Amino acid sequence: MKLLVVGSVAFDAIETPFGKTDKILGGAATYIGITSSILGVKSGIVSVVGGDFPQEHLDMFTDRDINIEGIEIVKEGKTFFWSGKYHNDLNTRDTLATEVNVLENFDPKIPDSMQDAEILLLGNLHPGVQLSVLEKMNNRPKLVILDTMNFWMDSAWDILMDMIAKQTLLRSMMKRQDSFQENILS
């Protein structure tokens, strides 16, 4: 099984009631890639970072057998940065800073080596970017998983609905719900 993750590789600064970090490695694609490698799933990441992104982080991915051919490095740019403060319950947080940086003009390029991925996980990106990734795949993955948030629901609803219609997991669940409702109502 091969997993392609398209999303953020970033820097985070996190504050909790128990401590505070400076800039550390963050981003959804980062931790999905690491977790999949621990579980023995062959994965690749498509993302963009700035020239400020340390080689040691890229080496960490390759040391874990994560394909990073799809990580674009914009030498004159800065890597996406998010800073947040978590509350005592650790379930609620406040965003202190978001610096989109190179992610703002991200145009994902899918390497040939990842075109046969059976699973495509689209991170929390603009729905238009998510759609473009799906269109760039030579073969449709067996499973397309989508992450989104209220920001895209408020600002890009129509494009988000187009993307939701094309991904697998939700559509599958919706079909089951529809048949369930039909059985209950008949």
Protein backbone atom coordinates (compact mmCIF):
# COMPACT_ATOMS: atom_id res chain seq x y z
CA MET A 1 0.00 0.00 0.00
CA LYS A 2 1.26 3.48 -0.88
CA LEU A 3 0.04 6.73 0.70
CA LEU A 4 0.46 10.17 -0.85
CA VAL A 5 0.05 13.08 1.56
CA VAL A 6 -0.39 16.58 0.15
CA GLY A 7 -0.31 19.21 2.86
CA SER A 8 1.74 21.39 5.12
CA VAL A 9 5.29 20.83 6.25
CA ALA A 10 5.77 23.72 8.61
CA PHE A 11 7.20 25.32 11.70
CA ASP A 12 5.07 25.55 14.84
CA ALA A 13 5.54 27.37 18.14
CA ILE A 14 3.29 25.93 20.81
CA GLU A 15 2.45 27.06 24.31
CA THR A 16 0.60 24.87 26.82
CA PRO A 17 0.03 25.21 30.56
CA PHE A 18 3.02 22.86 30.90
CA GLY A 19 5.59 24.53 28.68
CA LYS A 20 6.45 26.48 25.59
CA THR A 21 8.46 25.75 22.43
CA ASP A 22 10.24 27.97 19.98
CA LYS A 23 9.96 27.04 16.30
CA ILE A 24 9.71 23.27 15.99
CA LEU A 25 8.92 20.95 13.10
CA GLY A 26 5.18 20.95 12.43
CA GLY A 27 2.55 20.53 9.76
CA ALA A 28 -0.04 17.86 9.09
CA ALA A 29 1.89 16.22 6.25
CA THR A 30 4.92 15.93 8.53
CA TYR A 31 3.13 13.97 11.21
CA ILE A 32 1.01 11.89 8.84
CA GLY A 33 4.22 10.87 7.06
CA ILE A 34 6.01 10.01 10.30
CA THR A 35 3.04 8.06 11.66
CA SER A 36 2.60 6.10 8.44
CA SER A 37 6.30 5.18 8.47
CA ILE A 38 5.98 3.87 12.03
CA LEU A 39 3.02 1.76 10.89
CA GLY A 40 4.98 0.39 7.94
CA VAL A 41 3.01 2.25 5.26
CA LYS A 42 5.09 3.47 2.32
CA SER A 43 4.38 7.17 1.96
CA GLY A 44 5.35 10.29 0.11
CA ILE A 45 4.84 13.95 0.89
CA VAL A 46 4.01 16.75 -1.52
CA SER A 47 4.48 20.17 0.07
CA VAL A 48 6.50 23.36 -0.12
CA VAL A 49 9.06 24.82 2.30
CA GLY A 50 11.28 27.87 2.31
CA GLY A 51 15.04 28.19 2.22
CA ASP A 52 14.92 28.44 6.02
CA PHE A 53 13.89 24.76 6.31
CA PRO A 54 16.79 22.73 7.76
CA GLN A 55 18.28 19.87 5.76
CA GLU A 56 18.23 17.78 8.95
CA HIS A 57 14.41 17.74 8.83
CA LEU A 58 14.45 16.55 5.22
CA ASP A 59 17.01 13.90 6.21
CA MET A 60 14.70 12.75 9.01
CA PHE A 61 11.99 12.05 6.41
CA THR A 62 14.32 10.08 4.14
CA ASP A 63 15.76 8.19 7.13
CA ARG A 64 12.19 7.01 7.77
CA ASP A 65 11.82 5.96 4.10
CA ILE A 66 9.37 8.78 3.37
CA ASN A 67 9.51 9.88 -0.26
CA ILE A 68 10.22 13.64 -0.34
CA GLU A 69 10.58 14.09 -4.12
CA GLY A 70 7.41 16.19 -3.93
CA ILE A 71 8.69 18.67 -1.35
CA GLU A 72 9.52 21.85 -3.22
CA ILE A 73 12.12 24.17 -1.69
CA VAL A 74 11.67 27.87 -2.46
CA LYS A 75 15.15 29.10 -1.50
CA GLU A 76 14.21 32.78 -1.25
CA GLY A 77 10.98 32.06 0.67
CA LYS A 78 10.04 31.30 4.26
CA THR A 79 8.34 28.13 5.49
CA PHE A 80 4.73 28.23 6.71
CA PHE A 81 4.60 29.11 10.42
CA TRP A 82 1.82 28.68 12.98
CA SER A 83 1.86 29.63 16.64
CA GLY A 84 -0.80 28.69 19.15
CA LYS A 85 -1.60 28.63 22.84
CA TYR A 86 -3.50 25.66 24.27
CA HIS A 87 -5.79 26.11 27.27
CA ASN A 88 -5.83 23.99 30.44
CA ASP A 89 -8.15 21.37 28.90
CA LEU A 90 -5.70 21.01 25.95
CA ASN A 91 -8.74 20.75 23.63
CA THR A 92 -9.16 24.47 23.03
CA ARG A 93 -6.54 26.80 21.69
CA ASP A 94 -5.96 30.28 20.40
CA THR A 95 -4.01 30.98 17.25
CA LEU A 96 -1.35 33.56 18.05
CA ALA A 97 0.19 33.84 14.58
CA THR A 98 -0.17 32.37 11.11
CA GLU A 99 2.42 33.18 8.47
CA VAL A 100 1.39 31.47 5.23
CA ASN A 101 4.66 32.37 3.44
CA VAL A 102 5.54 29.94 0.59
CA LEU A 103 2.32 27.97 1.09
CA GLU A 104 0.37 30.93 -0.33
CA ASN A 105 1.45 30.14 -3.91
CA PHE A 106 1.69 26.37 -3.50
CA ASP A 107 1.15 24.51 -6.78
CA PRO A 108 1.58 20.83 -5.90
CA LYS A 109 3.61 18.73 -8.32
CA ILE A 110 3.03 15.00 -8.07
CA PRO A 111 6.23 13.01 -8.70
CA ASP A 112 6.00 10.06 -11.08
CA SER A 113 7.07 7.78 -8.22
CA MET A 114 3.85 8.64 -6.34
CA GLN A 115 1.38 8.55 -9.24
CA ASP A 116 0.36 4.99 -8.31
CA ALA A 117 -0.55 5.78 -4.68
CA GLU A 118 -3.61 3.80 -3.57
CA ILE A 119 -4.45 6.36 -0.88
CA LEU A 120 -4.43 10.12 -1.32
CA LEU A 121 -4.71 12.24 1.79
CA LEU A 122 -5.38 15.89 0.99
CA GLY A 123 -4.43 18.12 3.89
CA ASN A 124 -6.18 21.29 4.96
CA LEU A 125 -5.47 23.38 1.86
CA HIS A 126 -7.62 25.57 -0.37
CA PRO A 127 -10.21 23.27 -2.01
CA GLY A 128 -9.05 24.48 -5.44
CA VAL A 129 -5.55 23.20 -4.65
CA GLN A 130 -7.03 19.91 -3.45
CA LEU A 131 -9.01 19.56 -6.71
CA SER A 132 -5.90 20.30 -8.77
CA VAL A 133 -4.03 17.47 -7.03
CA LEU A 134 -6.78 14.98 -7.82
CA GLU A 135 -6.76 16.12 -11.46
CA LYS A 136 -2.95 15.70 -11.65
CA MET A 137 -3.09 12.05 -10.59
CA ASN A 138 -2.65 9.70 -13.58
CA ASN A 139 -4.78 7.07 -11.84
CA ARG A 140 -7.51 7.78 -9.35
CA PRO A 141 -6.47 6.46 -5.92
CA LYS A 142 -8.71 3.82 -4.34
CA LEU A 143 -9.24 6.07 -1.33
CA VAL A 144 -9.26 9.87 -1.31
CA ILE A 145 -9.35 11.45 2.15
CA LEU A 146 -10.02 15.14 2.61
CA ASP A 147 -9.24 17.48 5.51
CA THR A 148 -10.91 20.88 5.61
CA MET A 149 -11.98 23.54 8.08
CA ASN A 150 -14.51 26.30 8.66
CA PHE A 151 -12.31 28.87 6.91
CA TRP A 152 -12.76 27.07 3.57
CA MET A 153 -16.46 26.51 4.29
CA ASP A 154 -16.88 30.25 4.71
CA SER A 155 -14.64 31.41 1.87
CA ALA A 156 -14.70 28.70 -0.82
CA TRP A 157 -17.97 26.81 -0.32
CA ASP A 158 -18.74 25.96 -3.97
CA ILE A 159 -15.23 24.67 -4.71
CA LEU A 160 -15.25 22.74 -1.43
CA MET A 161 -18.54 21.06 -2.41
CA ASP A 162 -16.98 20.07 -5.76
CA MET A 163 -14.05 18.53 -3.89
CA ILE A 164 -16.25 16.75 -1.36
CA ALA A 165 -18.17 15.17 -4.26
CA LYS A 166 -14.89 13.73 -5.63
CA GLN A 167 -13.38 12.27 -2.48
CA THR A 168 -14.06 8.70 -1.46
CA LEU A 169 -14.55 8.40 2.25
CA LEU A 170 -17.33 10.94 2.75
CA ARG A 171 -19.12 9.98 -0.45
CA SER A 172 -19.07 6.38 0.70
CA MET A 173 -20.46 7.34 4.08
CA MET A 174 -23.12 9.52 2.46
CA LYS A 175 -24.25 6.64 0.25
CA ARG A 176 -24.63 4.43 3.30
CA GLN A 177 -26.54 7.14 5.11
CA ASP A 178 -28.85 7.62 2.10
CA SER A 179 -29.60 3.90 1.87
CA PHE A 180 -30.10 3.79 5.63
CA GLN A 181 -32.58 6.66 5.41
CA GLU A 182 -34.36 5.03 2.46
CA ASN A 183 -34.76 1.81 4.46
CA ILE A 184 -36.05 3.67 7.51
CA LEU A 185 -38.46 5.82 5.51
CA SER A 186 -39.89 3.01 3.35
